[in-house]
C-alpha atoms as a PDB file:
ATOM      1  CA  UNK A   1      64.654  95.032 164.094  1.00  0.00           C
ATOM      2  CA  UNK A   2      65.224  91.810 162.121  1.00  0.00           C
ATOM      3  CA  UNK A   3      68.129  89.795 163.429  1.00  0.00           C
ATOM      4  CA  UNK A   4      70.813  88.471 161.083  1.00  0.00           C
ATOM      5  CA  UNK A   5      70.990  84.845 159.998  1.00  0.00           C
ATOM      6  CA  UNK A   6      73.356  82.366 161.480  1.00  0.00           C
ATOM      7  CA  UNK A   7      76.266  80.947 159.486  1.00  0.00           C
ATOM      8  CA  UNK A   8      75.289  77.941 157.380  1.00  0.00           C
ATOM      9  CA  UNK A   9      77.854  75.751 159.081  1.00  0.00           C
ATOM     10  CA  UNK A  10      76.119  75.907 162.479  1.00  0.00           C
ATOM     11  CA  UNK A  11      74.573  72.622 163.512  1.00  0.00           C
ATOM     12  CA  UNK A  12      71.725  72.001 165.950  1.00  0.00           C
ATOM     13  CA  UNK A  13      71.881  69.316 168.698  1.00  0.00           C
ATOM     14  CA  UNK A  14      71.068  65.849 167.429  1.00  0.00           C
ATOM     15  CA  UNK A  15      68.971  63.115 168.993  1.00  0.00           C
ATOM     16  CA  UNK A  16      69.981  59.475 169.019  1.00  0.00           C
ATOM     17  CA  UNK A  17      67.564  58.188 166.335  1.00  0.00           C
ATOM     18  CA  UNK A  18      68.826  58.788 162.774  1.00  0.00           C
ATOM     19  CA  UNK A  19      65.303  59.906 161.744  1.00  0.00           C
ATOM     20  CA  UNK A  20      65.423  62.641 164.345  1.00  0.00           C
ATOM     21  CA  UNK A  21      68.662  64.274 163.250  1.00  0.00           C
ATOM     22  CA  UNK A  22      67.928  67.992 163.016  1.00  0.00           C
ATOM     23  CA  UNK A  23      68.965  69.843 159.860  1.00  0.00           C
ATOM     24  CA  UNK A  24      70.348  73.353 160.242  1.00  0.00           C
ATOM     25  CA  UNK A  25      67.157  74.650 158.601  1.00  0.00           C
ATOM     26  CA  UNK A  26      63.750  73.081 158.081  1.00  0.00           C
ATOM     27  CA  UNK A  27      63.608  70.965 154.896  1.00  0.00           C
ATOM     28  CA  UNK A  28      60.036  72.211 154.171  1.00  0.00           C
ATOM     29  CA  UNK A  29      58.525  75.577 154.962  1.00  0.00           C
ATOM     30  CA  UNK A  30      54.815  76.211 154.710  1.00  0.00           C
ATOM     31  CA  UNK A  31      53.962  79.824 154.095  1.00  0.00           C
ATOM     32  CA  UNK A  32      50.313  80.748 154.523  1.00  0.00           C
ATOM     33  CA  UNK A  33      49.411  83.375 151.823  1.00  0.00           C
ATOM     34  CA  UNK A  34      46.023  83.803 153.448  1.00  0.00           C
ATOM     35  CA  UNK A  35      43.667  82.034 155.824  1.00  0.00           C
ATOM     36  CA  UNK A  36      40.648  83.401 153.996  1.00  0.00           C
ATOM     37  CA  UNK A  37      38.706  80.990 151.786  1.00  0.00           C
ATOM     38  CA  UNK A  38      35.861  81.344 149.334  1.00  0.00           C
ATOM     39  CA  UNK A  39      34.490  77.911 150.260  1.00  0.00           C
ATOM     40  CA  UNK A  40      32.952  76.568 153.435  1.00  0.00           C
ATOM     41  CA  UNK A  41      33.686  72.841 153.116  1.00  0.00           C
ATOM     42  CA  UNK A  42      31.790  70.553 155.486  1.00  0.00           C
ATOM     43  CA  UNK A  43      34.859  68.677 156.727  1.00  0.00           C
ATOM     44  CA  UNK A  44      37.379  71.555 156.839  1.00  0.00           C
ATOM     45  CA  UNK A  45      39.006  72.369 160.224  1.00  0.00           C
ATOM     46  CA  UNK A  46      38.653  76.124 159.408  1.00  0.00           C
ATOM     47  CA  UNK A  47      35.296  76.112 161.194  1.00  0.00           C
ATOM     48  CA  UNK A  48      37.160  75.587 164.480  1.00  0.00           C
ATOM     49  CA  UNK A  49      39.736  78.348 163.764  1.00  0.00           C
ATOM     50  CA  UNK A  50      39.521  81.521 165.890  1.00  0.00           C
ATOM     51  CA  UNK A  51      42.639  83.278 164.578  1.00  0.00           C
ATOM     52  CA  UNK A  52      42.283  86.713 162.852  1.00  0.00           C
ATOM     53  CA  UNK A  53      42.154  86.571 159.055  1.00  0.00           C
ATOM     54  CA  UNK A  54      44.383  88.318 156.627  1.00  0.00           C
ATOM     55  CA  UNK A  55      46.935  88.184 153.813  1.00  0.00           C
ATOM     56  CA  UNK A  56      50.722  87.975 154.022  1.00  0.00           C
ATOM     57  CA  UNK A  57      52.530  91.080 152.802  1.00  0.00           C
ATOM     58  CA  UNK A  58      54.916  90.802 149.889  1.00  0.00           C
ATOM     59  CA  UNK A  59      57.871  92.193 151.902  1.00  0.00           C
ATOM     60  CA  UNK A  60      57.389  89.566 154.619  1.00  0.00           C
ATOM     61  CA  UNK A  61      57.005  86.806 151.957  1.00  0.00           C
ATOM     62  CA  UNK A  62      60.172  88.018 150.237  1.00  0.00           C
ATOM     63  CA  UNK A  63      62.094  88.002 153.546  1.00  0.00           C
ATOM     64  CA  UNK A  64      61.086  84.342 154.119  1.00  0.00           C
ATOM     65  CA  UNK A  65      61.998  83.275 150.602  1.00  0.00           C
ATOM     66  CA  UNK A  66      65.367  85.074 150.744  1.00  0.00           C
ATOM     67  CA  UNK A  67      66.291  83.101 153.891  1.00  0.00           C
ATOM     68  CA  UNK A  68      65.135  79.883 152.311  1.00  0.00           C
ATOM     69  CA  UNK A  69      67.335  80.656 149.309  1.00  0.00           C
ATOM     70  CA  UNK A  70      70.337  81.242 151.624  1.00  0.00           C
ATOM     71  CA  UNK A  71      70.073  77.698 152.965  1.00  0.00           C
ATOM     72  CA  UNK A  72      69.231  76.096 149.610  1.00  0.00           C
ATOM     73  CA  UNK A  73      67.296  73.019 148.559  1.00  0.00           C
ATOM     74  CA  UNK A  74      64.218  73.898 150.645  1.00  0.00           C
ATOM     75  CA  UNK A  75      60.627  72.970 149.681  1.00  0.00           C
ATOM     76  CA  UNK A  76      58.000  75.777 149.719  1.00  0.00           C
ATOM     77  CA  UNK A  77      54.384  74.965 150.436  1.00  0.00           C
ATOM     78  CA  UNK A  78      52.558  78.298 149.757  1.00  0.00           C
ATOM     79  CA  UNK A  79      49.186  77.554 151.321  1.00  0.00           C
ATOM     80  CA  UNK A  80      47.572  76.791 154.716  1.00  0.00           C
ATOM     81  CA  UNK A  81      44.122  77.258 156.231  1.00  0.00           C
ATOM     82  CA  UNK A  82      42.834  79.153 153.189  1.00  0.00           C
ATOM     83  CA  UNK A  83      42.676  79.403 149.373  1.00  0.00           C
ATOM     84  CA  UNK A  84      46.055  80.736 148.135  1.00  0.00           C
ATOM     85  CA  UNK A  85      44.722  81.979 144.775  1.00  0.00           C
ATOM     86  CA  UNK A  86      42.737  84.587 146.665  1.00  0.00           C
ATOM     87  CA  UNK A  87      45.939  86.517 147.323  1.00  0.00           C
ATOM     88  CA  UNK A  88      46.103  89.393 144.840  1.00  0.00           C
ATOM     89  CA  UNK A  89      49.904  89.048 144.522  1.00  0.00           C
ATOM     90  CA  UNK A  90      49.954  85.244 144.094  1.00  0.00           C
ATOM     91  CA  UNK A  91      51.613  85.202 140.681  1.00  0.00           C
ATOM     92  CA  UNK A  92      54.252  87.751 141.629  1.00  0.00           C
ATOM     93  CA  UNK A  93      55.025  85.828 144.779  1.00  0.00           C
ATOM     94  CA  UNK A  94      55.388  82.536 142.982  1.00  0.00           C
ATOM     95  CA  UNK A  95      57.541  84.184 140.303  1.00  0.00           C
ATOM     96  CA  UNK A  96      59.823  85.511 143.028  1.00  0.00           C
ATOM     97  CA  UNK A  97      60.037  82.180 144.868  1.00  0.00           C
ATOM     98  CA  UNK A  98      60.497  79.814 141.937  1.00  0.00           C
ATOM     99  CA  UNK A  99      64.210  80.366 141.226  1.00  0.00           C
ATOM    100  CA  UNK A 100      65.033  80.579 144.936  1.00  0.00           C
ATOM    101  CA  UNK A 101      63.576  77.303 146.297  1.00  0.00           C
ATOM    102  CA  UNK A 102      63.930  73.627 145.440  1.00  0.00           C
ATOM    103  CA  UNK A 103      60.241  72.926 144.847  1.00  0.00           C
ATOM    104  CA  UNK A 104      56.847  74.682 145.111  1.00  0.00           C
ATOM    105  CA  UNK A 105      53.938  72.424 146.161  1.00  0.00           C
ATOM    106  CA  UNK A 106      50.558  74.031 145.965  1.00  0.00           C
ATOM    107  CA  UNK A 107      46.986  73.035 146.792  1.00  0.00           C
ATOM    108  CA  UNK A 108      43.844  74.837 145.610  1.00  0.00           C
ATOM    109  CA  UNK A 109      40.139  74.282 145.268  1.00  0.00           C
ATOM    110  CA  UNK A 110      40.508  75.289 141.523  1.00  0.00           C
ATOM    111  CA  UNK A 111      37.559  77.654 141.572  1.00  0.00           C
ATOM    112  CA  UNK A 112      39.668  80.762 140.822  1.00  0.00           C
ATOM    113  CA  UNK A 113      41.772  79.335 137.997  1.00  0.00           C
ATOM    114  CA  UNK A 114      40.857  81.534 135.112  1.00  0.00           C
ATOM    115  CA  UNK A 115      42.440  80.783 131.693  1.00  0.00           C
ATOM    116  CA  UNK A 116      44.936  83.579 132.290  1.00  0.00           C
ATOM    117  CA  UNK A 117      45.892  82.238 135.722  1.00  0.00           C
ATOM    118  CA  UNK A 118      46.179  78.669 134.377  1.00  0.00           C
ATOM    119  CA  UNK A 119      48.595  79.778 131.686  1.00  0.00           C
ATOM    120  CA  UNK A 120      50.593  81.764 134.213  1.00  0.00           C
ATOM    121  CA  UNK A 121      50.784  78.734 136.498  1.00  0.00           C
ATOM    122  CA  UNK A 122      52.133  76.557 133.693  1.00  0.00           C
ATOM    123  CA  UNK A 123      54.667  79.272 132.704  1.00  0.00           C
ATOM    124  CA  UNK A 124      55.780  79.556 136.298  1.00  0.00           C
ATOM    125  CA  UNK A 125      56.635  75.832 136.295  1.00  0.00           C
ATOM    126  CA  UNK A 126      55.253  75.172 139.765  1.00  0.00           C
ATOM    127  CA  UNK A 127      56.359  71.664 140.684  1.00  0.00           C
ATOM    128  CA  UNK A 128      53.139  70.170 142.127  1.00  0.00           C
ATOM    129  CA  UNK A 129      49.516  71.138 142.402  1.00  0.00           C
ATOM    130  CA  UNK A 130      46.821  69.269 144.277  1.00  0.00           C
ATOM    131  CA  UNK A 131      43.175  70.035 143.489  1.00  0.00           C
ATOM    132  CA  UNK A 132      40.779  69.437 146.399  1.00  0.00           C
ATOM    133  CA  UNK A 133      37.606  68.147 144.685  1.00  0.00           C
ATOM    134  CA  UNK A 134      35.986  65.375 146.772  1.00  0.00           C
ATOM    135  CA  UNK A 135      33.225  64.407 144.363  1.00  0.00           C
ATOM    136  CA  UNK A 136      32.314  64.320 140.719  1.00  0.00           C
ATOM    137  CA  UNK A 137      28.596  64.309 141.475  1.00  0.00           C
ATOM    138  CA  UNK A 138      27.361  67.918 141.179  1.00  0.00           C
ATOM    139  CA  UNK A 139      24.838  67.732 144.000  1.00  0.00           C
ATOM    140  CA  UNK A 140      27.160  66.019 146.375  1.00  0.00           C
ATOM    141  CA  UNK A 141      29.976  68.338 145.480  1.00  0.00           C
ATOM    142  CA  UNK A 142      27.751  71.340 146.171  1.00  0.00           C
ATOM    143  CA  UNK A 143      26.760  69.903 149.582  1.00  0.00           C
ATOM    144  CA  UNK A 144      30.386  69.228 150.591  1.00  0.00           C
ATOM    145  CA  UNK A 145      32.105  72.229 149.058  1.00  0.00           C
ATOM    146  CA  UNK A 146      29.673  74.976 149.865  1.00  0.00           C
ATOM    147  CA  UNK A 147      29.907  77.949 147.509  1.00  0.00           C
ATOM    148  CA  UNK A 148      31.496  75.694 144.838  1.00  0.00           C
ATOM    149  CA  UNK A 149      30.157  74.665 141.431  1.00  0.00           C
ATOM    150  CA  UNK A 150      31.566  71.398 140.078  1.00  0.00           C
ATOM    151  CA  UNK A 151      31.064  72.237 136.374  1.00  0.00           C
ATOM    152  CA  UNK A 152      33.192  75.340 136.692  1.00  0.00           C
ATOM    153  CA  UNK A 153      35.879  73.610 138.658  1.00  0.00           C
ATOM    154  CA  UNK A 154      36.089  70.735 136.171  1.00  0.00           C
ATOM    155  CA  UNK A 155      36.371  73.172 133.248  1.00  0.00           C
ATOM    156  CA  UNK A 156      39.210  75.001 135.083  1.00  0.00           C
ATOM    157  CA  UNK A 157      41.165  71.817 135.694  1.00  0.00           C
ATOM    158  CA  UNK A 158      40.595  70.531 132.177  1.00  0.00           C
ATOM    159  CA  UNK A 159      41.780  73.827 130.738  1.00  0.00           C
ATOM    160  CA  UNK A 160      44.982  73.706 132.785  1.00  0.00           C
ATOM    161  CA  UNK A 161      45.610  70.144 131.701  1.00  0.00           C
ATOM    162  CA  UNK A 162      45.093  71.196 128.080  1.00  0.00           C
ATOM    163  CA  UNK A 163      47.550  74.117 128.429  1.00  0.00           C
ATOM    164  CA  UNK A 164      50.134  71.751 130.016  1.00  0.00           C
ATOM    165  CA  UNK A 165      49.724  69.343 127.098  1.00  0.00           C
ATOM    166  CA  UNK A 166      49.816  72.150 124.542  1.00  0.00           C
ATOM    167  CA  UNK A 167      53.053  73.467 125.929  1.00  0.00           C
ATOM    168  CA  UNK A 168      54.479  69.931 126.403  1.00  0.00           C
ATOM    169  CA  UNK A 169      55.261  70.941 129.960  1.00  0.00           C
ATOM    170  CA  UNK A 170      56.574  68.426 132.429  1.00  0.00           C
ATOM    171  CA  UNK A 171      55.410  70.549 135.372  1.00  0.00           C
ATOM    172  CA  UNK A 172      53.398  70.804 137.442  1.00  0.00           C
ATOM    173  CA  UNK A 173      52.666  67.226 138.549  1.00  0.00           C
ATOM    174  CA  UNK A 174      48.869  67.260 138.940  1.00  0.00           C
ATOM    175  CA  UNK A 175      46.907  65.554 141.703  1.00  0.00           C
ATOM    176  CA  UNK A 176      43.248  65.590 142.630  1.00  0.00           C
ATOM    177  CA  UNK A 177      42.172  64.661 146.136  1.00  0.00           C
ATOM    178  CA  UNK A 178      39.169  63.349 148.007  1.00  0.00           C
ATOM    179  CA  UNK A 179      38.613  63.356 151.791  1.00  0.00           C
ATOM    180  CA  UNK A 180      37.044  60.044 152.773  1.00  0.00           C
ATOM    181  CA  UNK A 181      33.873  60.776 154.776  1.00  0.00           C
ATOM    182  CA  UNK A 182      30.402  59.272 155.153  1.00  0.00           C
ATOM    183  CA  UNK A 183      29.348  61.537 152.264  1.00  0.00           C
ATOM    184  CA  UNK A 184      32.119  60.576 149.847  1.00  0.00           C
ATOM    185  CA  UNK A 185      32.853  56.896 150.564  1.00  0.00           C
ATOM    186  CA  UNK A 186      30.354  55.395 148.177  1.00  0.00           C
ATOM    187  CA  UNK A 187      31.680  57.522 145.266  1.00  0.00           C
ATOM    188  CA  UNK A 188      35.377  56.820 145.813  1.00  0.00           C
ATOM    189  CA  UNK A 189      35.733  54.161 143.107  1.00  0.00           C
ATOM    190  CA  UNK A 190      34.007  56.264 140.450  1.00  0.00           C
ATOM    191  CA  UNK A 191      36.093  59.282 141.544  1.00  0.00           C
ATOM    192  CA  UNK A 192      39.362  57.366 141.151  1.00  0.00           C
ATOM    193  CA  UNK A 193      38.300  55.954 137.766  1.00  0.00           C
ATOM    194  CA  UNK A 194      37.304  59.355 136.444  1.00  0.00           C
ATOM    195  CA  UNK A 195      40.489  61.114 137.419  1.00  0.00           C
ATOM    196  CA  UNK A 196      43.099  58.402 137.042  1.00  0.00           C
ATOM    197  CA  UNK A 197      43.457  58.896 133.270  1.00  0.00           C
ATOM    198  CA  UNK A 198      43.259  62.715 133.487  1.00  0.00           C
ATOM    199  CA  UNK A 199      45.860  63.660 136.073  1.00  0.00           C
ATOM    200  CA  UNK A 200      49.110  62.219 137.423  1.00  0.00           C
ATOM    201  CA  UNK A 201      47.812  61.080 140.828  1.00  0.00           C
ATOM    202  CA  UNK A 202      44.617  60.646 142.733  1.00  0.00           C
ATOM    203  CA  UNK A 203      44.924  60.953 146.497  1.00  0.00           C
ATOM    204  CA  UNK A 204      42.465  59.732 149.124  1.00  0.00           C
ATOM    205  CA  UNK A 205      42.849  61.409 152.524  1.00  0.00           C
ATOM    206  CA  UNK A 206      41.259  60.435 155.862  1.00  0.00           C
ATOM    207  CA  UNK A 207      38.938  62.895 157.480  1.00  0.00           C
ATOM    208  CA  UNK A 208      40.528  64.482 160.599  1.00  0.00           C
ATOM    209  CA  UNK A 209      39.912  67.207 163.188  1.00  0.00           C
ATOM    210  CA  UNK A 210      36.194  66.337 163.110  1.00  0.00           C
ATOM    211  CA  UNK A 211      35.382  67.555 166.626  1.00  0.00           C
ATOM    212  CA  UNK A 212      37.862  70.422 166.641  1.00  0.00           C
ATOM    213  CA  UNK A 213      40.698  68.189 167.852  1.00  0.00           C
ATOM    214  CA  UNK A 214      43.245  69.158 165.203  1.00  0.00           C
ATOM    215  CA  UNK A 215      45.026  66.174 163.599  1.00  0.00           C
ATOM    216  CA  UNK A 216      42.828  63.582 165.260  1.00  0.00           C
ATOM    217  CA  UNK A 217      41.582  60.874 162.870  1.00  0.00           C
ATOM    218  CA  UNK A 218      38.818  59.865 165.294  1.00  0.00           C
ATOM    219  CA  UNK A 219      37.285  56.502 165.871  1.00  0.00           C
ATOM    220  CA  UNK A 220      37.861  54.159 162.918  1.00  0.00           C
ATOM    221  CA  UNK A 221      40.304  56.535 161.190  1.00  0.00           C
ATOM    222  CA  UNK A 222      43.276  54.291 161.965  1.00  0.00           C
ATOM    223  CA  UNK A 223      42.006  51.069 160.418  1.00  0.00           C
ATOM    224  CA  UNK A 224      44.938  50.935 157.987  1.00  0.00           C
ATOM    225  CA  UNK A 225      47.551  51.599 160.660  1.00  0.00           C
ATOM    226  CA  UNK A 226      47.164  48.527 162.905  1.00  0.00           C
ATOM    227  CA  UNK A 227      50.827  47.722 162.396  1.00  0.00           C
ATOM    228  CA  UNK A 228      51.729  50.670 164.597  1.00  0.00           C
ATOM    229  CA  UNK A 229      50.557  50.299 168.189  1.00  0.00           C
ATOM    230  CA  UNK A 230      52.998  52.141 170.431  1.00  0.00           C
ATOM    231  CA  UNK A 231      53.230  55.927 170.386  1.00  0.00           C
ATOM    232  CA  UNK A 232      56.394  57.057 168.561  1.00  0.00           C
ATOM    233  CA  UNK A 233      57.913  60.540 167.960  1.00  0.00           C
ATOM    234  CA  UNK A 234      56.399  62.700 165.313  1.00  0.00           C
ATOM    235  CA  UNK A 235      59.003  63.738 162.803  1.00  0.00           C
ATOM    236  CA  UNK A 236      57.429  67.029 161.784  1.00  0.00           C
ATOM    237  CA  UNK A 237      59.244  69.078 164.467  1.00  0.00           C
ATOM    238  CA  UNK A 238      62.496  67.743 163.019  1.00  0.00           C
ATOM    239  CA  UNK A 239      61.733  68.682 159.376  1.00  0.00           C
ATOM    240  CA  UNK A 240      58.880  71.104 158.960  1.00  0.00           C
ATOM    241  CA  UNK A 241      57.990  74.695 159.887  1.00  0.00           C
ATOM    242  CA  UNK A 242      54.792  76.687 159.264  1.00  0.00           C
ATOM    243  CA  UNK A 243      54.400  80.429 159.002  1.00  0.00           C
ATOM    244  CA  UNK A 244      50.961  82.001 159.405  1.00  0.00           C
ATOM    245  CA  UNK A 245      50.070  84.999 157.170  1.00  0.00           C
ATOM    246  CA  UNK A 246      50.982  87.421 160.013  1.00  0.00           C
ATOM    247  CA  UNK A 247      54.462  85.984 160.509  1.00  0.00           C
ATOM    248  CA  UNK A 248      53.696  83.839 163.565  1.00  0.00           C
ATOM    249  CA  UNK A 249      55.332  80.419 163.504  1.00  0.00           C
ATOM    250  CA  UNK A 250      53.270  77.294 164.052  1.00  0.00           C
ATOM    251  CA  UNK A 251      54.404  73.746 164.492  1.00  0.00           C
ATOM    252  CA  UNK A 252      53.000  71.867 161.554  1.00  0.00           C
ATOM    253  CA  UNK A 253      50.153  71.551 159.034  1.00  0.00           C
ATOM    254  CA  UNK A 254      47.838  70.321 161.793  1.00  0.00           C
ATOM    255  CA  UNK A 255      48.502  73.375 163.955  1.00  0.00           C
ATOM    256  CA  UNK A 256      45.423  75.316 162.826  1.00  0.00           C
ATOM    257  CA  UNK A 257      44.864  77.651 165.755  1.00  0.00           C
ATOM    258  CA  UNK A 258      48.046  78.198 167.801  1.00  0.00           C
ATOM    259  CA  UNK A 259      47.650  80.766 170.562  1.00  0.00           C
ATOM    260  CA  UNK A 260      51.313  80.852 171.651  1.00  0.00           C
ATOM    261  CA  UNK A 261      53.426  81.046 168.468  1.00  0.00           C
ATOM    262  CA  UNK A 262      56.888  79.458 168.457  1.00  0.00           C
ATOM    263  CA  UNK A 263      58.266  82.804 167.272  1.00  0.00           C
ATOM    264  CA  UNK A 264      57.660  85.447 164.620  1.00  0.00           C
ATOM    265  CA  UNK A 265      59.520  85.810 161.365  1.00  0.00           C
ATOM    266  CA  UNK A 266      58.669  89.549 161.503  1.00  0.00           C
ATOM    267  CA  UNK A 267      61.374  89.974 164.157  1.00  0.00           C
ATOM    268  CA  UNK A 268      63.581  86.848 164.028  1.00  0.00           C
ATOM    269  CA  UNK A 269      65.026  84.624 161.314  1.00  0.00           C
ATOM    270  CA  UNK A 270      63.612  81.178 160.661  1.00  0.00           C
ATOM    271  CA  UNK A 271      66.969  79.748 161.618  1.00  0.00           C
ATOM    272  CA  UNK A 272      66.812  81.398 165.085  1.00  0.00           C
ATOM    273  CA  UNK A 273      63.281  80.138 165.685  1.00  0.00           C
ATOM    274  CA  UNK A 274      64.163  76.674 164.404  1.00  0.00           C
ATOM    275  CA  UNK A 275      67.029  76.433 166.873  1.00  0.00           C
ATOM    276  CA  UNK A 276      65.260  78.215 169.713  1.00  0.00           C
ATOM    277  CA  UNK A 277      63.963  76.993 173.058  1.00  0.00           C
ATOM    278  CA  UNK A 278      60.352  76.519 172.005  1.00  0.00           C
ATOM    279  CA  UNK A 279      61.281  74.081 169.216  1.00  0.00           C
ATOM    280  CA  UNK A 280      63.923  72.442 171.392  1.00  0.00           C
ATOM    281  CA  UNK A 281      61.393  71.700 174.105  1.00  0.00           C
ATOM    282  CA  UNK A 282      58.893  70.273 171.619  1.00  0.00           C
ATOM    283  CA  UNK A 283      61.526  67.989 170.031  1.00  0.00           C
ATOM    284  CA  UNK A 284      62.576  66.733 173.465  1.00  0.00           C
ATOM    285  CA  UNK A 285      58.994  65.893 174.274  1.00  0.00           C
ATOM    286  CA  UNK A 286      58.660  63.970 171.051  1.00  0.00           C
ATOM    287  CA  UNK A 287      61.980  62.245 171.543  1.00  0.00           C
ATOM    288  CA  UNK A 288      60.759  60.765 174.822  1.00  0.00           C
ATOM    289  CA  UNK A 289      57.006  60.811 173.947  1.00  0.00           C
ATOM    290  CA  UNK A 290      56.371  62.468 177.317  1.00  0.00           C
ATOM    291  CA  UNK A 291      55.181  65.991 178.127  1.00  0.00           C
ATOM    292  CA  UNK A 292      53.613  66.484 174.699  1.00  0.00           C
ATOM    293  CA  UNK A 293      51.492  69.528 174.217  1.00  0.00           C
ATOM    294  CA  UNK A 294      47.758  68.920 173.786  1.00  0.00           C
ATOM    295  CA  UNK A 295      47.840  69.402 169.979  1.00  0.00           C
ATOM    296  CA  UNK A 296      50.387  66.594 169.665  1.00  0.00           C
ATOM    297  CA  UNK A 297      48.647  64.329 172.174  1.00  0.00           C
ATOM    298  CA  UNK A 298      45.435  64.450 170.172  1.00  0.00           C
ATOM    299  CA  UNK A 299      47.043  64.140 166.738  1.00  0.00           C
ATOM    300  CA  UNK A 300      47.348  60.754 164.923  1.00  0.00           C
ATOM    301  CA  UNK A 301      49.388  61.806 161.926  1.00  0.00           C
ATOM    302  CA  UNK A 302      52.738  60.906 163.484  1.00  0.00           C
ATOM    303  CA  UNK A 303      51.910  57.355 162.467  1.00  0.00           C
ATOM    304  CA  UNK A 304      52.477  58.074 158.734  1.00  0.00           C
ATOM    305  CA  UNK A 305      56.246  58.186 159.207  1.00  0.00           C
ATOM    306  CA  UNK A 306      56.189  54.573 160.447  1.00  0.00           C
ATOM    307  CA  UNK A 307      53.998  53.041 157.742  1.00  0.00           C
ATOM    308  CA  UNK A 308      55.485  51.304 154.733  1.00  0.00           C
ATOM    309  CA  UNK A 309      53.644  53.708 152.385  1.00  0.00           C
ATOM    310  CA  UNK A 310      54.636  56.778 154.486  1.00  0.00           C
ATOM    311  CA  UNK A 311      51.077  58.046 154.208  1.00  0.00           C
ATOM    312  CA  UNK A 312      47.620  57.639 155.782  1.00  0.00           C
ATOM    313  CA  UNK A 313      45.095  56.964 153.043  1.00  0.00           C
ATOM    314  CA  UNK A 314      45.734  55.882 149.449  1.00  0.00           C
ATOM    315  CA  UNK A 315      47.307  57.222 146.282  1.00  0.00           C
ATOM    316  CA  UNK A 316      46.639  56.062 142.701  1.00  0.00           C
ATOM    317  CA  UNK A 317      49.065  56.946 139.918  1.00  0.00           C
ATOM    318  CA  UNK A 318      48.063  57.712 136.339  1.00  0.00           C
ATOM    319  CA  UNK A 319      46.893  54.712 134.371  1.00  0.00           C
ATOM    320  CA  UNK A 320      46.222  54.543 130.670  1.00  0.00           C
END
């Protein structure tokens, strides 16, 4: 039986640091529509994932969205560990969520964006879409994004851009991204030049989780973070919550294969899980930086909250 939600006025215990004040509800909720994917990308952590695969049901998705709407001003990230456009009810789900959340931030490999789906996405007024591309060289793209064809993906993105311009739509903000690896580094400059006049932002990410250590940037991955030496608390447990397709709750977007979920939204509310013992213990561990679970010990992405740019990697805005 699903438990009822707490009153909105209830507050959770606060830590001393202002950055670690705990809102009554997570400010951003990632909802995994599916952990299936039609690509097998060379750098993707999915290859280390042992979890069962599946698709979230519409009733469960609706339950999550309804609770987010109750608390208001919450960001929805409708993807994790898979390609969200594979979900057969993707458009209906986004249509249900759009008027009930503050912002919808999507990522996709763009391979499934038919003209009909592109027009639907523009009409839905999703707030942000990031296209994971990694190369504009067809052979290199094919080697990195196995099962993908660059020409088709480029046509899909260009069509969506054309529809956005045709409708004079302000949304979505469009980003393309590249993961910096040994295979992509030499093409980074040409990649940025190509996309910088076509979309709103180009994002360069650092490769992580290379040896199955989720969130780890590995040797040399922290070259732009020398200003942060001492381990500090990660802020994700104080802001973010992730729901797998089956309702299990994970810690963050680097928690790719959690065996002991922090709870289940099939039986409890997000608010109950957010304020529960499992989250409380994780926050206390981050507050003192002692007793961290192995996932957090191995992860380097806590650093981004303490960098001036608030990110690891680079971002390039549109330039005429």
